[in-house]
């Protein structure tokens, strides 16, 4: 079964949520990246809604990255991914 990928709009919404949470705390990208255990470049890409600068593919961070970011930003993971919410349709994905 193919894995779902975020749309560019969802990735941008995620990046905006990251940037807003960081700004609310008055933290630099460097501080958040270090606290989350990711590179500054990775955080910068995610805040722009990207996974890869060259291919311009939408951000699609792994669970460990999401958990690290949530901890660094002192928010629940749900706060970061809420803008990505879609309705689940079991018929759309086919049998397991």
Protein backbone atom coordinates (compact mmCIF):
# COMPACT_ATOMS: atom_id res chain seq x y z
CA UNK A 1 0.00 0.00 0.00
CA UNK A 2 1.52 3.36 -0.97
CA UNK A 3 2.25 5.77 1.85
CA UNK A 4 0.35 9.06 1.84
CA UNK A 5 2.44 12.15 1.23
CA UNK A 6 1.62 15.64 2.43
CA UNK A 7 0.47 18.13 -0.14
CA UNK A 8 2.58 21.25 -0.66
CA UNK A 9 -0.16 23.24 1.09
CA UNK A 10 -0.06 20.95 4.12
CA UNK A 11 3.73 21.17 4.24
CA UNK A 12 3.63 24.97 4.14
CA UNK A 13 0.98 25.02 6.91
CA UNK A 14 3.23 22.76 9.01
CA UNK A 15 6.19 25.09 8.42
CA UNK A 16 4.14 28.12 9.40
CA UNK A 17 3.06 26.36 12.61
CA UNK A 18 6.70 25.56 13.42
CA UNK A 19 7.83 29.13 12.79
CA UNK A 20 4.97 30.59 14.85
CA UNK A 21 5.70 28.30 17.82
CA UNK A 22 9.39 29.23 17.67
CA UNK A 23 8.61 32.94 17.42
CA UNK A 24 6.21 32.78 20.38
CA UNK A 25 9.08 31.50 22.51
CA UNK A 26 11.52 34.04 21.08
CA UNK A 27 13.93 31.28 20.09
CA UNK A 28 16.36 31.29 17.19
CA UNK A 29 16.39 28.55 14.60
CA UNK A 30 19.79 27.52 15.94
CA UNK A 31 18.48 27.00 19.48
CA UNK A 32 15.44 25.00 18.33
CA UNK A 33 17.44 22.86 15.92
CA UNK A 34 19.99 22.05 18.60
CA UNK A 35 17.32 21.23 21.19
CA UNK A 36 15.42 19.07 18.67
CA UNK A 37 18.54 17.19 17.62
CA UNK A 38 18.40 18.24 13.97
CA UNK A 39 20.55 20.46 11.80
CA UNK A 40 19.86 24.13 11.29
CA UNK A 41 19.45 23.44 7.57
CA UNK A 42 16.81 20.76 8.29
CA UNK A 43 14.80 23.12 10.50
CA UNK A 44 15.08 25.90 7.94
CA UNK A 45 13.73 23.59 5.22
CA UNK A 46 10.87 22.39 7.43
CA UNK A 47 9.86 25.97 8.27
CA UNK A 48 9.65 26.61 4.52
CA UNK A 49 7.55 23.48 4.05
CA UNK A 50 10.30 21.57 2.27
CA UNK A 51 12.13 18.27 2.71
CA UNK A 52 14.67 18.89 0.00
CA UNK A 53 15.89 22.21 -1.38
CA UNK A 54 16.87 20.86 -4.81
CA UNK A 55 13.76 18.78 -5.52
CA UNK A 56 11.50 21.22 -3.64
CA UNK A 57 9.57 18.25 -2.23
CA UNK A 58 7.03 18.92 0.56
CA UNK A 59 8.17 18.53 4.15
CA UNK A 60 7.54 15.03 5.49
CA UNK A 61 9.45 14.73 8.80
CA UNK A 62 9.84 11.41 10.61
CA UNK A 63 8.21 10.80 13.96
CA UNK A 64 11.48 11.27 15.86
CA UNK A 65 11.92 14.71 14.30
CA UNK A 66 8.34 15.66 15.19
CA UNK A 67 8.86 14.55 18.79
CA UNK A 68 12.13 16.47 19.04
CA UNK A 69 10.57 19.62 17.63
CA UNK A 70 7.56 19.38 19.94
CA UNK A 71 9.86 19.01 22.95
CA UNK A 72 12.08 21.91 21.85
CA UNK A 73 9.07 24.14 21.23
CA UNK A 74 7.23 23.02 24.40
CA UNK A 75 4.10 22.04 22.50
CA UNK A 76 2.23 18.84 21.90
CA UNK A 77 2.96 17.07 18.61
CA UNK A 78 -0.74 17.49 17.77
CA UNK A 79 -0.25 21.26 17.82
CA UNK A 80 2.35 20.98 15.07
CA UNK A 81 0.41 18.62 12.82
CA UNK A 82 -3.12 19.92 13.38
CA UNK A 83 -3.07 22.00 10.15
CA UNK A 84 -2.42 18.76 8.24
CA UNK A 85 -5.55 17.02 9.43
CA UNK A 86 -7.54 15.25 6.75
CA UNK A 87 -10.59 13.09 6.95
CA UNK A 88 -9.73 9.40 6.97
CA UNK A 89 -11.64 7.34 4.44
CA UNK A 90 -10.88 3.60 4.84
CA UNK A 91 -12.27 2.91 1.35
CA UNK A 92 -9.78 5.31 -0.17
CA UNK A 93 -6.78 3.30 1.08
CA UNK A 94 -7.97 -0.20 0.21
CA UNK A 95 -7.60 -3.36 2.32
CA UNK A 96 -4.68 -3.85 4.73
